[in-house]
Amino acid sequence: MSLRWEIGNKVRMLKGWARQRFGRVSGDRRQEGAGRSDRIAAGLKQAGVKARDAFKR
């Protein structure tokens, strides 16, 4: 099941990256900040999945 979570986190990180770039290009600081927070949240979730998998082994 962690593969599904890992893929979901990667997709969320990619969406956050795109949203952040869009906000930067368009000058919309709110979009840029939301994209940055999406990337950070996805990174933290990914770290949690990796830690959980490490303790399972």
N, C-alpha and C. Protein backbone atom coordinates (compact mmCIF):
# COMPACT_ATOMS: atom_id res chain seq x y z
N MET A 1 0.82 -1.19 0.00
CA MET A 1 0.00 0.00 0.00
C MET A 1 0.86 1.25 0.00
N SER A 2 2.08 1.16 0.43
CA SER A 2 2.92 2.34 0.48
C SER A 2 3.28 2.84 -0.92
N LEU A 3 3.25 1.96 -1.92
CA LEU A 3 3.52 2.40 -3.28
C LEU A 3 2.45 3.37 -3.75
N ARG A 4 1.20 3.10 -3.40
CA ARG A 4 0.11 4.01 -3.77
C ARG A 4 0.30 5.37 -3.08
N TRP A 5 0.69 5.35 -1.82
CA TRP A 5 0.92 6.61 -1.10
C TRP A 5 2.11 7.35 -1.68
N GLU A 6 3.14 6.60 -2.04
CA GLU A 6 4.33 7.23 -2.59
C GLU A 6 4.02 7.91 -3.92
N ILE A 7 3.25 7.25 -4.76
CA ILE A 7 2.86 7.83 -6.05
C ILE A 7 1.98 9.06 -5.82
N GLY A 8 1.05 8.96 -4.88
CA GLY A 8 0.19 10.10 -4.56
C GLY A 8 0.98 11.29 -4.06
N ASN A 9 1.98 11.03 -3.25
CA ASN A 9 2.82 12.13 -2.75
C ASN A 9 3.65 12.75 -3.86
N LYS A 10 4.14 11.94 -4.77
CA LYS A 10 4.91 12.47 -5.90
C LYS A 10 4.02 13.34 -6.79
N VAL A 11 2.77 12.90 -7.01
CA VAL A 11 1.84 13.68 -7.81
C VAL A 11 1.53 15.00 -7.13
N ARG A 12 1.32 14.97 -5.81
CA ARG A 12 1.03 16.20 -5.08
C ARG A 12 2.23 17.14 -5.11
N MET A 13 3.45 16.58 -5.05
CA MET A 13 4.64 17.40 -5.11
C MET A 13 4.75 18.06 -6.49
N LEU A 14 4.44 17.32 -7.53
CA LEU A 14 4.49 17.86 -8.89
C LEU A 14 3.43 18.96 -9.07
N LYS A 15 2.24 18.74 -8.55
CA LYS A 15 1.20 19.76 -8.62
C LYS A 15 1.62 21.03 -7.87
N GLY A 16 2.24 20.84 -6.71
CA GLY A 16 2.71 21.99 -5.94
C GLY A 16 3.79 22.75 -6.68
N TRP A 17 4.68 22.01 -7.35
CA TRP A 17 5.73 22.65 -8.13
C TRP A 17 5.13 23.49 -9.24
N ALA A 18 4.15 22.91 -9.96
CA ALA A 18 3.50 23.63 -11.07
C ALA A 18 2.76 24.85 -10.55
N ARG A 19 2.08 24.70 -9.44
CA ARG A 19 1.31 25.81 -8.87
C ARG A 19 2.23 26.94 -8.42
N GLN A 20 3.37 26.56 -7.84
CA GLN A 20 4.34 27.55 -7.39
C GLN A 20 4.92 28.30 -8.59
N ARG A 21 5.27 27.58 -9.64
CA ARG A 21 5.82 28.23 -10.84
C ARG A 21 4.78 29.15 -11.49
N PHE A 22 3.54 28.68 -11.57
CA PHE A 22 2.48 29.51 -12.14
C PHE A 22 2.32 30.79 -11.33
N GLY A 23 2.33 30.67 -10.02
CA GLY A 23 2.20 31.85 -9.17
C GLY A 23 3.37 32.80 -9.34
N ARG A 24 4.55 32.26 -9.51
CA ARG A 24 5.73 33.11 -9.69
C ARG A 24 5.67 33.85 -11.02
N VAL A 25 5.26 33.15 -12.08
CA VAL A 25 5.20 33.76 -13.41
C VAL A 25 4.09 34.82 -13.48
N SER A 26 2.95 34.51 -12.90
CA SER A 26 1.81 35.42 -12.99
C SER A 26 1.87 36.53 -11.93
N GLY A 27 2.75 36.41 -10.96
CA GLY A 27 2.85 37.42 -9.92
C GLY A 27 1.85 37.23 -8.80
N ASP A 28 1.19 36.09 -8.74
CA ASP A 28 0.21 35.80 -7.71
C ASP A 28 0.91 35.12 -6.53
N ARG A 29 1.18 35.88 -5.51
CA ARG A 29 1.93 35.36 -4.36
C ARG A 29 1.15 34.31 -3.59
N ARG A 30 -0.18 34.39 -3.63
CA ARG A 30 -1.00 33.40 -2.93
C ARG A 30 -0.84 32.02 -3.58
N GLN A 31 -0.89 31.98 -4.90
CA GLN A 31 -0.70 30.72 -5.61
C GLN A 31 0.71 30.17 -5.37
N GLU A 32 1.69 31.06 -5.39
CA GLU A 32 3.06 30.63 -5.15
C GLU A 32 3.22 30.02 -3.76
N GLY A 33 2.62 30.65 -2.77
CA GLY A 33 2.68 30.14 -1.41
C GLY A 33 1.93 28.83 -1.24
N ALA A 34 0.80 28.72 -1.90
CA ALA A 34 0.03 27.47 -1.82
C ALA A 34 0.79 26.32 -2.47
N GLY A 35 1.46 26.61 -3.57
CA GLY A 35 2.27 25.58 -4.22
C GLY A 35 3.43 25.15 -3.35
N ARG A 36 4.06 26.10 -2.71
CA ARG A 36 5.17 25.79 -1.81
C ARG A 36 4.70 24.93 -0.64
N SER A 37 3.54 25.27 -0.08
CA SER A 37 3.03 24.49 1.05
C SER A 37 2.63 23.08 0.61
N ASP A 38 2.10 22.93 -0.61
CA ASP A 38 1.79 21.60 -1.14
C ASP A 38 3.06 20.76 -1.26
N ARG A 39 4.11 21.36 -1.77
CA ARG A 39 5.38 20.63 -1.93
C ARG A 39 5.93 20.21 -0.57
N ILE A 40 5.87 21.08 0.41
CA ILE A 40 6.38 20.77 1.74
C ILE A 40 5.55 19.66 2.38
N ALA A 41 4.23 19.75 2.27
CA ALA A 41 3.36 18.73 2.85
C ALA A 41 3.60 17.37 2.21
N ALA A 42 3.76 17.35 0.90
CA ALA A 42 4.02 16.08 0.20
C ALA A 42 5.37 15.51 0.62
N GLY A 43 6.36 16.36 0.80
CA GLY A 43 7.67 15.89 1.24
C GLY A 43 7.63 15.29 2.63
N LEU A 44 6.88 15.92 3.52
CA LEU A 44 6.75 15.40 4.88
C LEU A 44 6.00 14.07 4.90
N LYS A 45 4.95 13.98 4.11
CA LYS A 45 4.21 12.72 4.04
C LYS A 45 5.08 11.62 3.47
N GLN A 46 5.89 11.96 2.46
CA GLN A 46 6.78 10.98 1.86
C GLN A 46 7.81 10.49 2.89
N ALA A 47 8.32 11.38 3.70
CA ALA A 47 9.26 11.00 4.75
C ALA A 47 8.59 10.06 5.75
N GLY A 48 7.33 10.32 6.07
CA GLY A 48 6.59 9.44 6.97
C GLY A 48 6.40 8.05 6.41
N VAL A 49 6.12 7.97 5.12
CA VAL A 49 5.95 6.67 4.47
C VAL A 49 7.26 5.90 4.49
N LYS A 50 8.35 6.59 4.20
CA LYS A 50 9.66 5.91 4.20
C LYS A 50 10.05 5.45 5.60
N ALA A 51 9.74 6.25 6.62
CA ALA A 51 10.05 5.85 7.99
C ALA A 51 9.20 4.64 8.40
N ARG A 52 7.95 4.66 8.02
CA ARG A 52 7.07 3.54 8.34
C ARG A 52 7.55 2.26 7.67
N ASP A 53 7.99 2.36 6.41
CA ASP A 53 8.50 1.20 5.71
C ASP A 53 9.81 0.69 6.33
N ALA A 54 10.62 1.61 6.83
CA ALA A 54 11.89 1.20 7.46
C ALA A 54 11.63 0.42 8.73
N PHE A 55 10.60 0.79 9.49
CA PHE A 55 10.31 0.08 10.74
C PHE A 55 9.60 -1.25 10.50
N LYS A 56 8.97 -1.39 9.34
CA LYS A 56 8.31 -2.66 9.03
C LYS A 56 9.33 -3.76 8.75
N ARG A 57 10.48 -3.38 8.23
CA ARG A 57 11.49 -4.38 7.86
C ARG A 57 12.28 -4.85 9.00
